[in-house]
Amino acid sequence: MLEDLCLSALRDDPAMLCVDQYFQCLEAQMENLPPNESKARVHAFLASRERPDLRLGEAALGGYLPWDSPAFDAIKQFLNRL
């Protein structure tokens, strides 16, 4: 899933520690968690940015994702081969 790829690229972002703690709290306090945790984690990450209302594609265009992350290497190679 695209969100999983983006989360891999974001794992070293300091905000992800807060996202992880947030989801640990949710697990402890709630019976039902969001059905798509990856999407929910991306939304929580985006909430830490200057423009928290952006969708993932807009956030990517806005520079919120580290495009130099090795998480994107396989996709870059695939696109270069096209």
C-alpha atoms as a PDB file:
ATOM      1  CA  MET A   1       0.000   0.000   0.000  1.00  0.00           C
ATOM      2  CA  LEU A   2       1.231   3.501  -0.770  1.00  0.00           C
ATOM      3  CA  GLU A   3       0.824   4.574   2.848  1.00  0.00           C
ATOM      4  CA  ASP A   4       3.070   1.714   4.017  1.00  0.00           C
ATOM      5  CA  LEU A   5       5.776   2.829   1.604  1.00  0.00           C
ATOM      6  CA  CYS A   6       5.498   6.416   2.835  1.00  0.00           C
ATOM      7  CA  LEU A   7       5.583   5.320   6.469  1.00  0.00           C
ATOM      8  CA  SER A   8       8.798   3.407   5.758  1.00  0.00           C
ATOM      9  CA  ALA A   9      10.307   6.585   4.353  1.00  0.00           C
ATOM     10  CA  LEU A  10       9.142   8.579   7.387  1.00  0.00           C
ATOM     11  CA  ARG A  11      10.372   6.194  10.096  1.00  0.00           C
ATOM     12  CA  ASP A  12      13.293   8.490  11.046  1.00  0.00           C
ATOM     13  CA  ASP A  13      11.157  11.618  11.266  1.00  0.00           C
ATOM     14  CA  PRO A  14      10.924  12.775  14.906  1.00  0.00           C
ATOM     15  CA  ALA A  15       7.145  13.115  14.625  1.00  0.00           C
ATOM     16  CA  MET A  16       6.846   9.356  14.090  1.00  0.00           C
ATOM     17  CA  LEU A  17       7.786   8.744  17.729  1.00  0.00           C
ATOM     18  CA  CYS A  18       4.704  10.756  18.675  1.00  0.00           C
ATOM     19  CA  VAL A  19       2.581   8.898  16.115  1.00  0.00           C
ATOM     20  CA  ASP A  20       3.726   5.574  17.590  1.00  0.00           C
ATOM     21  CA  GLN A  21       2.932   6.742  21.134  1.00  0.00           C
ATOM     22  CA  TYR A  22      -0.464   7.989  19.986  1.00  0.00           C
ATOM     23  CA  PHE A  23      -1.348   4.602  18.526  1.00  0.00           C
ATOM     24  CA  GLN A  24      -0.103   2.813  21.642  1.00  0.00           C
ATOM     25  CA  CYS A  25      -2.447   5.015  23.656  1.00  0.00           C
ATOM     26  CA  LEU A  26      -5.332   4.258  21.303  1.00  0.00           C
ATOM     27  CA  GLU A  27      -4.693   0.527  21.613  1.00  0.00           C
ATOM     28  CA  ALA A  28      -4.784   0.814  25.402  1.00  0.00           C
ATOM     29  CA  GLN A  29      -7.893   3.016  25.567  1.00  0.00           C
ATOM     30  CA  MET A  30     -10.153   1.922  22.739  1.00  0.00           C
ATOM     31  CA  GLU A  31     -11.837  -1.280  21.695  1.00  0.00           C
ATOM     32  CA  ASN A  32     -11.907  -0.515  17.990  1.00  0.00           C
ATOM     33  CA  LEU A  33      -8.962   0.986  16.166  1.00  0.00           C
ATOM     34  CA  PRO A  34      -9.170   2.447  12.665  1.00  0.00           C
ATOM     35  CA  PRO A  35      -9.602  -0.416  10.186  1.00  0.00           C
ATOM     36  CA  ASN A  36      -6.742   0.862   8.022  1.00  0.00           C
ATOM     37  CA  GLU A  37      -3.972   1.658  10.480  1.00  0.00           C
ATOM     38  CA  SER A  38      -1.479   2.721   7.799  1.00  0.00           C
ATOM     39  CA  LYS A  39      -3.806   5.419   6.473  1.00  0.00           C
ATOM     40  CA  ALA A  40      -4.556   6.559  10.020  1.00  0.00           C
ATOM     41  CA  ARG A  41      -0.827   6.742  10.829  1.00  0.00           C
ATOM     42  CA  VAL A  42      -0.174   8.873   7.757  1.00  0.00           C
ATOM     43  CA  HIS A  43      -2.994  11.217   8.806  1.00  0.00           C
ATOM     44  CA  ALA A  44      -1.520  11.447  12.307  1.00  0.00           C
ATOM     45  CA  PHE A  45       1.887  12.249  10.813  1.00  0.00           C
ATOM     46  CA  LEU A  46       0.387  14.905   8.552  1.00  0.00           C
ATOM     47  CA  ALA A  47      -1.294  16.451  11.600  1.00  0.00           C
ATOM     48  CA  SER A  48       2.220  17.314  12.808  1.00  0.00           C
ATOM     49  CA  ARG A  49       2.992  19.432   9.742  1.00  0.00           C
ATOM     50  CA  GLU A  50       2.391  23.099   8.973  1.00  0.00           C
ATOM     51  CA  ARG A  51      -0.569  22.250   6.720  1.00  0.00           C
ATOM     52  CA  PRO A  52      -2.222  19.257   8.383  1.00  0.00           C
ATOM     53  CA  ASP A  53      -5.203  19.287   6.029  1.00  0.00           C
ATOM     54  CA  LEU A  54      -3.276  18.079   2.976  1.00  0.00           C
ATOM     55  CA  ARG A  55      -3.974  14.711   1.398  1.00  0.00           C
ATOM     56  CA  LEU A  56      -1.046  12.362   0.912  1.00  0.00           C
ATOM     57  CA  GLY A  57      -0.447  13.356  -2.725  1.00  0.00           C
ATOM     58  CA  GLU A  58      -0.573  17.047  -1.858  1.00  0.00           C
ATOM     59  CA  ALA A  59       1.754  16.474   1.076  1.00  0.00           C
ATOM     60  CA  ALA A  60       4.170  14.639  -1.211  1.00  0.00           C
ATOM     61  CA  LEU A  61       4.154  17.558  -3.649  1.00  0.00           C
ATOM     62  CA  GLY A  62       4.555  19.934  -0.697  1.00  0.00           C
ATOM     63  CA  GLY A  63       7.820  18.316   0.349  1.00  0.00           C
ATOM     64  CA  TYR A  64       6.547  16.489   3.420  1.00  0.00           C
ATOM     65  CA  LEU A  65       8.082  13.191   2.285  1.00  0.00           C
ATOM     66  CA  PRO A  66      11.833  12.518   2.175  1.00  0.00           C
ATOM     67  CA  TRP A  67      12.212  11.552  -1.485  1.00  0.00           C
ATOM     68  CA  ASP A  68      15.861  10.636  -0.899  1.00  0.00           C
ATOM     69  CA  SER A  69      14.809   7.833   1.459  1.00  0.00           C
ATOM     70  CA  PRO A  70      15.911   4.328   0.413  1.00  0.00           C
ATOM     71  CA  ALA A  71      12.267   3.302   0.855  1.00  0.00           C
ATOM     72  CA  PHE A  72      11.578   4.843  -2.562  1.00  0.00           C
ATOM     73  CA  ASP A  73      14.547   3.266  -4.389  1.00  0.00           C
ATOM     74  CA  ALA A  74      12.640   0.309  -5.869  1.00  0.00           C
ATOM     75  CA  ILE A  75       9.880   2.591  -7.180  1.00  0.00           C
ATOM     76  CA  LYS A  76      12.438   4.976  -8.670  1.00  0.00           C
ATOM     77  CA  GLN A  77      14.189   2.085 -10.412  1.00  0.00           C
ATOM     78  CA  PHE A  78      10.886   0.796 -11.759  1.00  0.00           C
ATOM     79  CA  LEU A  79       9.880   4.198 -13.111  1.00  0.00           C
ATOM     80  CA  ASN A  80      13.301   4.747 -14.686  1.00  0.00           C
ATOM     81  CA  ARG A  81      12.955   1.453 -16.558  1.00  0.00           C
ATOM     82  CA  LEU A  82       9.649   2.475 -18.141  1.00  0.00           C
END
